Amino acid sequence: MPKGSWNPAAEGVQAQLSALTEGHADMRAYVVQGHASETIIDFAEQDRSDLIVVASHHRGLTAALIGSTASDVVREGACSVLVVR
């Protein structure tokens, strides 16, 4: 995403993610904007990602319980998806 279209909060999150992945050459983290599940899935496909890590604040087994975004990414993603809560 072009830097000019970011808001200050997104820049702060990207800085924190960069600090967390520093020293891990095989790990990258990005802040992207758009419809959550569609944007995550599209970005991962374009980036040829091996793994998507997505958080869920819901408890349980189905979309209603793990969250619709996490459920969509698990169902539609082209690579492995790790859901954490």
PDB file of N, CA and C in Angstrom:
ATOM      1  N   MET A   1       0.852  -1.171   0.000  1.00  0.00           N
ATOM      2  CA  MET A   1       0.000   0.000   0.000  1.00  0.00           C
ATOM      3  C   MET A   1       0.899   1.235   0.000  1.00  0.00           C
ATOM      4  N   PRO A   2       0.637   2.197  -0.860  1.00  0.00           N
ATOM      5  CA  PRO A   2       1.467   3.392  -0.906  1.00  0.00           C
ATOM      6  C   PRO A   2       1.465   4.123   0.429  1.00  0.00           C
ATOM      7  N   LYS A   3       2.633   4.570   0.838  1.00  0.00           N
ATOM      8  CA  LYS A   3       2.761   5.204   2.149  1.00  0.00           C
ATOM      9  C   LYS A   3       1.862   6.426   2.291  1.00  0.00           C
ATOM     10  N   GLY A   4       1.616   7.163   1.229  1.00  0.00           N
ATOM     11  CA  GLY A   4       0.784   8.352   1.299  1.00  0.00           C
ATOM     12  C   GLY A   4      -0.656   8.066   1.671  1.00  0.00           C
ATOM     13  N   SER A   5      -1.118   6.839   1.484  1.00  0.00           N
ATOM     14  CA  SER A   5      -2.501   6.511   1.792  1.00  0.00           C
ATOM     15  C   SER A   5      -2.667   5.938   3.200  1.00  0.00           C
ATOM     16  N   TRP A   6      -1.591   5.782   3.934  1.00  0.00           N
ATOM     17  CA  TRP A   6      -1.662   5.248   5.293  1.00  0.00           C
ATOM     18  C   TRP A   6      -2.089   6.337   6.256  1.00  0.00           C
ATOM     19  N   ASN A   7      -2.700   5.938   7.320  1.00  0.00           N
ATOM     20  CA  ASN A   7      -2.978   6.886   8.389  1.00  0.00           C
ATOM     21  C   ASN A   7      -1.931   6.693   9.484  1.00  0.00           C
ATOM     22  N   PRO A   8      -1.823   7.621  10.407  1.00  0.00           N
ATOM     23  CA  PRO A   8      -0.789   7.513  11.450  1.00  0.00           C
ATOM     24  C   PRO A   8      -0.879   6.232  12.272  1.00  0.00           C
ATOM     25  N   ALA A   9      -2.078   5.739  12.542  1.00  0.00           N
ATOM     26  CA  ALA A   9      -2.216   4.503  13.318  1.00  0.00           C
ATOM     27  C   ALA A   9      -1.617   3.326  12.557  1.00  0.00           C
ATOM     28  N   ALA A  10      -1.861   3.250  11.257  1.00  0.00           N
ATOM     29  CA  ALA A  10      -1.312   2.163  10.445  1.00  0.00           C
ATOM     30  C   ALA A  10       0.206   2.234  10.415  1.00  0.00           C
ATOM     31  N   GLU A  11       0.757   3.432  10.348  1.00  0.00           N
ATOM     32  CA  GLU A  11       2.212   3.586  10.360  1.00  0.00           C
ATOM     33  C   GLU A  11       2.793   3.107  11.685  1.00  0.00           C
ATOM     34  N   GLY A  12       2.104   3.383  12.799  1.00  0.00           N
ATOM     35  CA  GLY A  12       2.566   2.933  14.106  1.00  0.00           C
ATOM     36  C   GLY A  12       2.535   1.422  14.222  1.00  0.00           C
ATOM     37  N   VAL A  13       1.469   0.810  13.713  1.00  0.00           N
ATOM     38  CA  VAL A  13       1.364  -0.653  13.744  1.00  0.00           C
ATOM     39  C   VAL A  13       2.448  -1.268  12.878  1.00  0.00           C
ATOM     40  N   GLN A  14       2.687  -0.711  11.683  1.00  0.00           N
ATOM     41  CA  GLN A  14       3.725  -1.242  10.802  1.00  0.00           C
ATOM     42  C   GLN A  14       5.093  -1.149  11.474  1.00  0.00           C
ATOM     43  N   ALA A  15       5.369  -0.073  12.184  1.00  0.00           N
ATOM     44  CA  ALA A  15       6.646   0.070  12.886  1.00  0.00           C
ATOM     45  C   ALA A  15       6.791  -1.007  13.962  1.00  0.00           C
ATOM     46  N   GLN A  16       5.717  -1.296  14.690  1.00  0.00           N
ATOM     47  CA  GLN A  16       5.774  -2.339  15.711  1.00  0.00           C
ATOM     48  C   GLN A  16       5.976  -3.716  15.081  1.00  0.00           C
ATOM     49  N   LEU A  17       5.285  -3.989  13.975  1.00  0.00           N
ATOM     50  CA  LEU A  17       5.450  -5.262  13.289  1.00  0.00           C
ATOM     51  C   LEU A  17       6.867  -5.421  12.758  1.00  0.00           C
ATOM     52  N   SER A  18       7.426  -4.356  12.224  1.00  0.00           N
ATOM     53  CA  SER A  18       8.800  -4.403  11.719  1.00  0.00           C
ATOM     54  C   SER A  18       9.780  -4.729  12.839  1.00  0.00           C
ATOM     55  N   ALA A  19       9.551  -4.146  14.008  1.00  0.00           N
ATOM     56  CA  ALA A  19      10.423  -4.421  15.149  1.00  0.00           C
ATOM     57  C   ALA A  19      10.301  -5.885  15.592  1.00  0.00           C
ATOM     58  N   LEU A  20       9.095  -6.439  15.539  1.00  0.00           N
ATOM     59  CA  LEU A  20       8.888  -7.831  15.949  1.00  0.00           C
ATOM     60  C   LEU A  20       9.522  -8.827  14.988  1.00  0.00           C
ATOM     61  N   THR A  21       9.565  -8.476  13.713  1.00  0.00           N
ATOM     62  CA  THR A  21      10.107  -9.409  12.722  1.00  0.00           C
ATOM     63  C   THR A  21      11.593  -9.172  12.445  1.00  0.00           C
ATOM     64  N   GLU A  22      12.164  -8.140  13.042  1.00  0.00           N
ATOM     65  CA  GLU A  22      13.583  -7.845  12.834  1.00  0.00           C
ATOM     66  C   GLU A  22      14.437  -9.032  13.263  1.00  0.00           C
ATOM     67  N   GLY A  23      15.375  -9.405  12.418  1.00  0.00           N
ATOM     68  CA  GLY A  23      16.255 -10.524  12.711  1.00  0.00           C
ATOM     69  C   GLY A  23      15.702 -11.868  12.265  1.00  0.00           C
ATOM     70  N   HIS A  24      14.515 -11.873  11.721  1.00  0.00           N
ATOM     71  CA  HIS A  24      13.883 -13.094  11.206  1.00  0.00           C
ATOM     72  C   HIS A  24      13.728 -12.941   9.699  1.00  0.00           C
ATOM     73  N   ALA A  25      14.758 -13.330   8.970  1.00  0.00           N
ATOM     74  CA  ALA A  25      14.787 -13.112   7.520  1.00  0.00           C
ATOM     75  C   ALA A  25      13.634 -13.787   6.800  1.00  0.00           C
ATOM     76  N   ASP A  26      13.107 -14.859   7.355  1.00  0.00           N
ATOM     77  CA  ASP A  26      12.038 -15.601   6.689  1.00  0.00           C
ATOM     78  C   ASP A  26      10.641 -15.160   7.128  1.00  0.00           C
ATOM     79  N   MET A  27      10.548 -14.077   7.908  1.00  0.00           N
ATOM     80  CA  MET A  27       9.268 -13.603   8.417  1.00  0.00           C
ATOM     81  C   MET A  27       9.040 -12.154   7.994  1.00  0.00           C
ATOM     82  N   ARG A  28       7.835 -11.892   7.474  1.00  0.00           N
ATOM     83  CA  ARG A  28       7.459 -10.532   7.104  1.00  0.00           C
ATOM     84  C   ARG A  28       6.055 -10.255   7.616  1.00  0.00           C
ATOM     85  N   ALA A  29       5.789  -9.011   7.948  1.00  0.00           N
ATOM     86  CA  ALA A  29       4.453  -8.609   8.387  1.00  0.00           C
ATOM     87  C   ALA A  29       4.097  -7.303   7.696  1.00  0.00           C
ATOM     88  N   TYR A  30       2.833  -7.170   7.330  1.00  0.00           N
ATOM     89  CA  TYR A  30       2.385  -6.000   6.578  1.00  0.00           C
ATOM     90  C   TYR A  30       1.098  -5.455   7.155  1.00  0.00           C
ATOM     91  N   VAL A  31       0.887  -4.167   6.962  1.00  0.00           N
ATOM     92  CA  VAL A  31      -0.384  -3.526   7.252  1.00  0.00           C
ATOM     93  C   VAL A  31      -0.979  -3.163   5.902  1.00  0.00           C
ATOM     94  N   VAL A  32      -2.160  -3.678   5.623  1.00  0.00           N
ATOM     95  CA  VAL A  32      -2.859  -3.373   4.379  1.00  0.00           C
ATOM     96  C   VAL A  32      -4.272  -2.929   4.729  1.00  0.00           C
ATOM     97  N   GLN A  33      -4.878  -2.172   3.837  1.00  0.00           N
ATOM     98  CA  GLN A  33      -6.212  -1.652   4.089  1.00  0.00           C
ATOM     99  C   GLN A  33      -7.189  -2.186   3.055  1.00  0.00           C
ATOM    100  N   GLY A  34      -8.405  -2.448   3.498  1.00  0.00           N
ATOM    101  CA  GLY A  34      -9.453  -2.936   2.619  1.00  0.00           C
ATOM    102  C   GLY A  34     -10.379  -3.854   3.388  1.00  0.00           C
ATOM    103  N   HIS A  35     -11.308  -4.494   2.677  1.00  0.00           N
ATOM    104  CA  HIS A  35     -12.191  -5.480   3.300  1.00  0.00           C
ATOM    105  C   HIS A  35     -11.308  -6.583   3.857  1.00  0.00           C
ATOM    106  N   ALA A  36     -11.438  -6.874   5.126  1.00  0.00           N
ATOM    107  CA  ALA A  36     -10.467  -7.694   5.850  1.00  0.00           C
ATOM    108  C   ALA A  36     -10.141  -9.018   5.165  1.00  0.00           C
ATOM    109  N   SER A  37     -11.096  -9.912   5.036  1.00  0.00           N
ATOM    110  CA  SER A  37     -10.765 -11.246   4.518  1.00  0.00           C
ATOM    111  C   SER A  37     -10.323 -11.197   3.063  1.00  0.00           C
ATOM    112  N   GLU A  38     -11.006 -10.407   2.242  1.00  0.00           N
ATOM    113  CA  GLU A  38     -10.622 -10.309   0.826  1.00  0.00           C
ATOM    114  C   GLU A  38      -9.213  -9.754   0.671  1.00  0.00           C
ATOM    115  N   THR A  39      -8.891  -8.731   1.440  1.00  0.00           N
ATOM    116  CA  THR A  39      -7.576  -8.099   1.344  1.00  0.00           C
ATOM    117  C   THR A  39      -6.479  -9.049   1.814  1.00  0.00           C
ATOM    118  N   ILE A  40      -6.723  -9.759   2.916  1.00  0.00           N
ATOM    119  CA  ILE A  40      -5.737 -10.715   3.428  1.00  0.00           C
ATOM    120  C   ILE A  40      -5.484 -11.814   2.406  1.00  0.00           C
ATOM    121  N   ILE A  41      -6.554 -12.384   1.872  1.00  0.00           N
ATOM    122  CA  ILE A  41      -6.437 -13.479   0.903  1.00  0.00           C
ATOM    123  C   ILE A  41      -5.726 -13.016  -0.364  1.00  0.00           C
ATOM    124  N   ASP A  42      -6.151 -11.872  -0.916  1.00  0.00           N
ATOM    125  CA  ASP A  42      -5.533 -11.349  -2.145  1.00  0.00           C
ATOM    126  C   ASP A  42      -4.059 -11.034  -1.928  1.00  0.00           C
ATOM    127  N   PHE A  43      -3.726 -10.384  -0.803  1.00  0.00           N
ATOM    128  CA  PHE A  43      -2.340 -10.026  -0.531  1.00  0.00           C
ATOM    129  C   PHE A  43      -1.478 -11.274  -0.400  1.00  0.00           C
ATOM    130  N   ALA A  44      -1.968 -12.274   0.322  1.00  0.00           N
ATOM    131  CA  ALA A  44      -1.202 -13.511   0.521  1.00  0.00           C
ATOM    132  C   ALA A  44      -0.946 -14.219  -0.805  1.00  0.00           C
ATOM    133  N   GLU A  45      -1.922 -14.196  -1.702  1.00  0.00           N
ATOM    134  CA  GLU A  45      -1.738 -14.818  -3.015  1.00  0.00           C
ATOM    135  C   GLU A  45      -0.707 -14.054  -3.836  1.00  0.00           C
ATOM    136  N   GLN A  46      -0.790 -12.726  -3.841  1.00  0.00           N
ATOM    137  CA  GLN A  46       0.166 -11.907  -4.597  1.00  0.00           C
ATOM    138  C   GLN A  46       1.579 -12.041  -4.026  1.00  0.00           C
ATOM    139  N   ASP A  47       1.676 -12.157  -2.721  1.00  0.00           N
ATOM    140  CA  ASP A  47       2.970 -12.258  -2.035  1.00  0.00           C
ATOM    141  C   ASP A  47       3.522 -13.683  -2.053  1.00  0.00           C
ATOM    142  N   ARG A  48       2.693 -14.622  -2.477  1.00  0.00           N
ATOM    143  CA  ARG A  48       3.036 -16.052  -2.449  1.00  0.00           C
ATOM    144  C   ARG A  48       3.416 -16.491  -1.033  1.00  0.00           C
ATOM    145  N   SER A  49       2.612 -16.069  -0.097  1.00  0.00           N
ATOM    146  CA  SER A  49       2.846 -16.378   1.312  1.00  0.00           C
ATOM    147  C   SER A  49       2.702 -17.867   1.577  1.00  0.00           C
ATOM    148  N   ASP A  50       3.493 -18.367   2.525  1.00  0.00           N
ATOM    149  CA  ASP A  50       3.415 -19.759   2.960  1.00  0.00           C
ATOM    150  C   ASP A  50       2.426 -19.939   4.099  1.00  0.00           C
ATOM    151  N   LEU A  51       2.210 -18.871   4.878  1.00  0.00           N
ATOM    152  CA  LEU A  51       1.377 -18.966   6.063  1.00  0.00           C
ATOM    153  C   LEU A  51       0.725 -17.619   6.339  1.00  0.00           C
ATOM    154  N   ILE A  52      -0.538 -17.648   6.693  1.00  0.00           N
ATOM    155  CA  ILE A  52      -1.258 -16.468   7.171  1.00  0.00           C
ATOM    156  C   ILE A  52      -1.543 -16.701   8.641  1.00  0.00           C
ATOM    157  N   VAL A  53      -1.230 -15.733   9.483  1.00  0.00           N
ATOM    158  CA  VAL A  53      -1.582 -15.792  10.895  1.00  0.00           C
ATOM    159  C   VAL A  53      -2.652 -14.739  11.115  1.00  0.00           C
ATOM    160  N   VAL A  54      -3.793 -15.187  11.601  1.00  0.00           N
ATOM    161  CA  VAL A  54      -4.919 -14.276  11.823  1.00  0.00           C
ATOM    162  C   VAL A  54      -5.438 -14.488  13.239  1.00  0.00           C
ATOM    163  N   ALA A  55      -5.762 -13.393  13.906  1.00  0.00           N
ATOM    164  CA  ALA A  55      -6.266 -13.464  15.276  1.00  0.00           C
ATOM    165  C   ALA A  55      -7.778 -13.594  15.282  1.00  0.00           C
ATOM    166  N   SER A  56      -8.279 -14.242  16.315  1.00  0.00           N
ATOM    167  CA  SER A  56      -9.712 -14.350  16.521  1.00  0.00           C
ATOM    168  C   SER A  56      -9.988 -14.156  17.992  1.00  0.00           C
ATOM    169  N   HIS A  57     -10.967 -13.354  18.289  1.00  0.00           N
ATOM    170  CA  HIS A  57     -11.325 -13.135  19.691  1.00  0.00           C
ATOM    171  C   HIS A  57     -12.525 -13.978  20.092  1.00  0.00           C
ATOM    172  N   HIS A  58     -13.054 -14.747  19.158  1.00  0.00           N
ATOM    173  CA  HIS A  58     -14.194 -15.618  19.439  1.00  0.00           C
ATOM    174  C   HIS A  58     -13.699 -16.988  19.885  1.00  0.00           C
ATOM    175  N   ARG A  59     -14.542 -17.706  20.607  1.00  0.00           N
ATOM    176  CA  ARG A  59     -14.207 -19.056  21.058  1.00  0.00           C
ATOM    177  C   ARG A  59     -15.082 -20.054  20.325  1.00  0.00           C
ATOM    178  N   GLY A  60     -14.511 -21.161  19.895  1.00  0.00           N
ATOM    179  CA  GLY A  60     -15.325 -22.204  19.321  1.00  0.00           C
ATOM    180  C   GLY A  60     -14.823 -22.766  18.021  1.00  0.00           C
ATOM    181  N   LEU A  61     -15.735 -23.372  17.248  1.00  0.00           N
ATOM    182  CA  LEU A  61     -15.345 -24.161  16.094  1.00  0.00           C
ATOM    183  C   LEU A  61     -15.795 -23.620  14.744  1.00  0.00           C
ATOM    184  N   THR A  62     -16.855 -22.861  14.670  1.00  0.00           N
ATOM    185  CA  THR A  62     -17.404 -22.438  13.375  1.00  0.00           C
ATOM    186  C   THR A  62     -17.201 -20.956  13.146  1.00  0.00           C
ATOM    187  N   ALA A  63     -17.662 -20.478  11.996  1.00  0.00           N
ATOM    188  CA  ALA A  63     -17.497 -19.061  11.640  1.00  0.00           C
ATOM    189  C   ALA A  63     -18.052 -18.148  12.718  1.00  0.00           C
ATOM    190  N   ALA A  64     -19.198 -18.498  13.248  1.00  0.00           N
ATOM    191  CA  ALA A  64     -19.794 -17.672  14.300  1.00  0.00           C
ATOM    192  C   ALA A  64     -18.939 -17.678  15.557  1.00  0.00           C
ATOM    193  N   LEU A  65     -18.149 -18.723  15.714  1.00  0.00           N
ATOM    194  CA  LEU A  65     -17.365 -18.860  16.935  1.00  0.00           C
ATOM    195  C   LEU A  65     -15.905 -18.461  16.779  1.00  0.00           C
ATOM    196  N   ILE A  66     -15.311 -18.605  15.585  1.00  0.00           N
ATOM    197  CA  ILE A  66     -13.922 -18.151  15.423  1.00  0.00           C
ATOM    198  C   ILE A  66     -13.861 -16.779  14.759  1.00  0.00           C
ATOM    199  N   GLY A  67     -14.992 -16.290  14.296  1.00  0.00           N
ATOM    200  CA  GLY A  67     -15.039 -14.985  13.661  1.00  0.00           C
ATOM    201  C   GLY A  67     -15.149 -15.132  12.159  1.00  0.00           C
ATOM    202  N   SER A  68     -15.903 -14.242  11.560  1.00  0.00           N
ATOM    203  CA  SER A  68     -16.152 -14.363  10.120  1.00  0.00           C
ATOM    204  C   SER A  68     -14.899 -14.112   9.295  1.00  0.00           C
ATOM    205  N   THR A  69     -14.052 -13.172   9.706  1.00  0.00           N
ATOM    206  CA  THR A  69     -12.828 -12.908   8.948  1.00  0.00           C
ATOM    207  C   THR A  69     -11.911 -14.118   8.991  1.00  0.00           C
ATOM    208  N   ALA A  70     -11.657 -14.644  10.173  1.00  0.00           N
ATOM    209  CA  ALA A  70     -10.797 -15.823  10.295  1.00  0.00           C
ATOM    210  C   ALA A  70     -11.384 -16.996   9.526  1.00  0.00           C
ATOM    211  N   SER A  71     -12.669 -17.190   9.627  1.00  0.00           N
ATOM    212  CA  SER A  71     -13.326 -18.288   8.926  1.00  0.00           C
ATOM    213  C   SER A  71     -13.178 -18.146   7.414  1.00  0.00           C
ATOM    214  N   ASP A  72     -13.399 -16.950   6.893  1.00  0.00           N
ATOM    215  CA  ASP A  72     -13.255 -16.715   5.454  1.00  0.00           C
ATOM    216  C   ASP A  72     -11.829 -16.981   4.989  1.00  0.00           C
ATOM    217  N   VAL A  73     -10.851 -16.525   5.759  1.00  0.00           N
ATOM    218  CA  VAL A  73      -9.448 -16.714   5.380  1.00  0.00           C
ATOM    219  C   VAL A  73      -9.088 -18.195   5.413  1.00  0.00           C
ATOM    220  N   VAL A  74      -9.555 -18.916   6.433  1.00  0.00           N
ATOM    221  CA  VAL A  74      -9.294 -20.357   6.512  1.00  0.00           C
ATOM    222  C   VAL A  74      -9.913 -21.065   5.310  1.00  0.00           C
ATOM    223  N   ARG A  75     -11.140 -20.713   4.979  1.00  0.00           N
ATOM    224  CA  ARG A  75     -11.876 -21.390   3.916  1.00  0.00           C
ATOM    225  C   ARG A  75     -11.358 -21.034   2.526  1.00  0.00           C
ATOM    226  N   GLU A  76     -11.006 -19.766   2.296  1.00  0.00           N
ATOM    227  CA  GLU A  76     -10.679 -19.291   0.952  1.00  0.00           C
ATOM    228  C   GLU A  76      -9.185 -19.103   0.691  1.00  0.00           C
ATOM    229  N   GLY A  77      -8.373 -19.070   1.722  1.00  0.00           N
ATOM    230  CA  GLY A  77      -6.941 -18.821   1.551  1.00  0.00           C
ATOM    231  C   GLY A  77      -6.244 -19.925   0.777  1.00  0.00           C
ATOM    232  N   ALA A  78      -5.251 -19.544  -0.008  1.00  0.00           N
ATOM    233  CA  ALA A  78      -4.520 -20.505  -0.843  1.00  0.00           C
ATOM    234  C   ALA A  78      -3.358 -21.164  -0.097  1.00  0.00           C
ATOM    235  N   CYS A  79      -3.054 -20.685   1.111  1.00  0.00           N
ATOM    236  CA  CYS A  79      -1.954 -21.262   1.883  1.00  0.00           C
ATOM    237  C   CYS A  79      -2.460 -21.649   3.265  1.00  0.00           C
ATOM    238  N   SER A  80      -1.580 -22.151   4.092  1.00  0.00           N
ATOM    239  CA  SER A  80      -1.940 -22.538   5.451  1.00  0.00           C
ATOM    240  C   SER A  80      -2.328 -21.297   6.258  1.00  0.00           C
ATOM    241  N   VAL A  81      -3.252 -21.483   7.188  1.00  0.00           N
ATOM    242  CA  VAL A  81      -3.730 -20.383   8.035  1.00  0.00           C
ATOM    243  C   VAL A  81      -3.655 -20.833   9.489  1.00  0.00           C
ATOM    244  N   LEU A  82      -3.042 -20.007  10.321  1.00  0.00           N
ATOM    245  CA  LEU A  82      -2.973 -20.259  11.753  1.00  0.00           C
ATOM    246  C   LEU A  82      -3.880 -19.234  12.432  1.00  0.00           C
ATOM    247  N   VAL A  83      -4.892 -19.715  13.152  1.00  0.00           N
ATOM    248  CA  VAL A  83      -5.804 -18.832  13.869  1.00  0.00           C
ATOM    249  C   VAL A  83      -5.403 -18.855  15.333  1.00  0.00           C
ATOM    250  N   VAL A  84      -5.140 -17.668  15.880  1.00  0.00           N
ATOM    251  CA  VAL A  84      -4.744 -17.546  17.292  1.00  0.00           C
ATOM    252  C   VAL A  84      -5.733 -16.644  18.005  1.00  0.00           C
ATOM    253  N   ARG A  85      -5.887 -16.886  19.283  1.00  0.00           N
ATOM    254  CA  ARG A  85      -6.747 -16.000  20.068  1.00  0.00           C
ATOM    255  C   ARG A  85      -6.039 -15.558  21.315  1.00  0.00           C
TER     256      ARG A  85
END
